[in-house]
Amino acid sequence: MLIFGRLMVFFFTVKPFVNGGTSCMLTTCVIQPIDMIKVRIQLG
């Protein structure tokens, strides 16, 4: 039971970092190209 408790503490500690990394990858792969297309349309 002690191992399970430590594992849960580890997951709760790591969760914000995983969440931040995932949001950063989503922004880089999805939002940034859409924003670049929008800017090119506005300038063109």
N, C-alpha and C. Protein backbone atom coordinates (compact mmCIF):
# COMPACT_ATOMS: atom_id res chain seq x y z
N MET A 1 0.82 -1.19 0.00
CA MET A 1 0.00 0.00 0.00
C MET A 1 0.86 1.26 0.00
N LEU A 2 2.04 1.17 0.59
CA LEU A 2 2.94 2.33 0.63
C LEU A 2 3.43 2.69 -0.76
N ILE A 3 3.66 1.68 -1.59
CA ILE A 3 4.12 1.93 -2.96
C ILE A 3 3.02 2.64 -3.76
N PHE A 4 1.77 2.22 -3.56
CA PHE A 4 0.65 2.86 -4.26
C PHE A 4 0.53 4.32 -3.86
N GLY A 5 0.71 4.62 -2.59
CA GLY A 5 0.65 6.00 -2.12
C GLY A 5 1.74 6.85 -2.72
N ARG A 6 2.94 6.32 -2.77
CA ARG A 6 4.05 7.06 -3.38
C ARG A 6 3.82 7.27 -4.87
N LEU A 7 3.24 6.27 -5.52
CA LEU A 7 2.95 6.38 -6.94
C LEU A 7 1.91 7.48 -7.19
N MET A 8 0.90 7.55 -6.35
CA MET A 8 -0.12 8.59 -6.49
C MET A 8 0.48 9.97 -6.26
N VAL A 9 1.36 10.10 -5.27
CA VAL A 9 2.02 11.38 -5.03
C VAL A 9 2.86 11.76 -6.24
N PHE A 10 3.55 10.79 -6.83
CA PHE A 10 4.36 11.05 -8.02
C PHE A 10 3.49 11.55 -9.17
N PHE A 11 2.34 10.89 -9.40
CA PHE A 11 1.46 11.30 -10.49
C PHE A 11 0.89 12.69 -10.25
N PHE A 12 0.52 13.00 -9.02
CA PHE A 12 -0.01 14.33 -8.73
C PHE A 12 1.07 15.40 -8.85
N THR A 13 2.32 15.03 -8.60
CA THR A 13 3.42 15.98 -8.73
C THR A 13 3.76 16.22 -10.20
N VAL A 14 3.72 15.19 -11.00
CA VAL A 14 4.12 15.27 -12.41
C VAL A 14 3.01 15.83 -13.30
N LYS A 15 1.77 15.72 -12.86
CA LYS A 15 0.62 16.10 -13.68
C LYS A 15 0.71 17.52 -14.25
N PRO A 16 1.06 18.56 -13.48
CA PRO A 16 1.14 19.90 -14.08
C PRO A 16 2.20 20.02 -15.18
N PHE A 17 3.30 19.31 -15.03
CA PHE A 17 4.35 19.37 -16.04
C PHE A 17 3.92 18.66 -17.32
N VAL A 18 3.23 17.54 -17.19
CA VAL A 18 2.71 16.83 -18.36
C VAL A 18 1.64 17.68 -19.05
N ASN A 19 0.80 18.31 -18.25
CA ASN A 19 -0.24 19.17 -18.79
C ASN A 19 0.36 20.35 -19.55
N GLY A 20 1.38 20.98 -18.99
CA GLY A 20 2.03 22.10 -19.65
C GLY A 20 2.74 21.69 -20.93
N GLY A 21 3.42 20.56 -20.90
CA GLY A 21 4.10 20.07 -22.09
C GLY A 21 3.14 19.73 -23.20
N THR A 22 2.01 19.11 -22.84
CA THR A 22 1.00 18.76 -23.84
C THR A 22 0.39 20.01 -24.46
N SER A 23 0.10 21.01 -23.65
CA SER A 23 -0.48 22.24 -24.19
C SER A 23 0.52 22.96 -25.09
N CYS A 24 1.79 22.91 -24.74
CA CYS A 24 2.82 23.54 -25.57
C CYS A 24 2.93 22.84 -26.93
N MET A 25 2.90 21.51 -26.93
CA MET A 25 2.96 20.77 -28.19
C MET A 25 1.73 21.03 -29.04
N LEU A 26 0.56 21.11 -28.41
CA LEU A 26 -0.67 21.40 -29.15
C LEU A 26 -0.60 22.78 -29.79
N THR A 27 -0.11 23.75 -29.04
CA THR A 27 0.01 25.11 -29.57
C THR A 27 0.98 25.15 -30.74
N THR A 28 2.11 24.48 -30.61
CA THR A 28 3.11 24.51 -31.67
C THR A 28 2.62 23.81 -32.93
N CYS A 29 1.93 22.69 -32.78
CA CYS A 29 1.54 21.88 -33.94
C CYS A 29 0.23 22.32 -34.58
N VAL A 30 -0.67 22.96 -33.83
CA VAL A 30 -2.00 23.26 -34.36
C VAL A 30 -2.24 24.77 -34.46
N ILE A 31 -2.11 25.48 -33.37
CA ILE A 31 -2.50 26.88 -33.34
C ILE A 31 -1.52 27.76 -34.12
N GLN A 32 -0.22 27.51 -34.00
CA GLN A 32 0.77 28.36 -34.67
C GLN A 32 0.63 28.35 -36.19
N PRO A 33 0.46 27.19 -36.84
CA PRO A 33 0.26 27.23 -38.31
C PRO A 33 -1.02 27.96 -38.72
N ILE A 34 -2.09 27.79 -37.94
CA ILE A 34 -3.34 28.49 -38.24
C ILE A 34 -3.13 30.00 -38.12
N ASP A 35 -2.42 30.42 -37.09
CA ASP A 35 -2.14 31.84 -36.90
C ASP A 35 -1.27 32.38 -38.02
N MET A 36 -0.31 31.60 -38.49
CA MET A 36 0.55 32.03 -39.59
C MET A 36 -0.26 32.21 -40.87
N ILE A 37 -1.19 31.31 -41.14
CA ILE A 37 -2.05 31.43 -42.32
C ILE A 37 -2.91 32.69 -42.20
N LYS A 38 -3.44 32.94 -41.01
CA LYS A 38 -4.27 34.12 -40.78
C LYS A 38 -3.49 35.41 -41.06
N VAL A 39 -2.26 35.48 -40.59
CA VAL A 39 -1.43 36.67 -40.80
C VAL A 39 -1.11 36.84 -42.28
N ARG A 40 -0.83 35.76 -42.99
CA ARG A 40 -0.54 35.87 -44.42
C ARG A 40 -1.76 36.34 -45.20
N ILE A 41 -2.94 35.89 -44.78
CA ILE A 41 -4.17 36.36 -45.44
C ILE A 41 -4.37 37.85 -45.18
N GLN A 42 -4.09 38.29 -43.95
CA GLN A 42 -4.27 39.70 -43.61
C GLN A 42 -3.28 40.58 -44.37
N LEU A 43 -2.06 40.11 -44.56
CA LEU A 43 -1.04 40.91 -45.25
C LEU A 43 -1.20 40.87 -46.77
N GLY A 44 -1.77 39.79 -47.28
CA GLY A 44 -1.87 39.61 -48.73
C GLY A 44 -3.09 40.19 -49.29
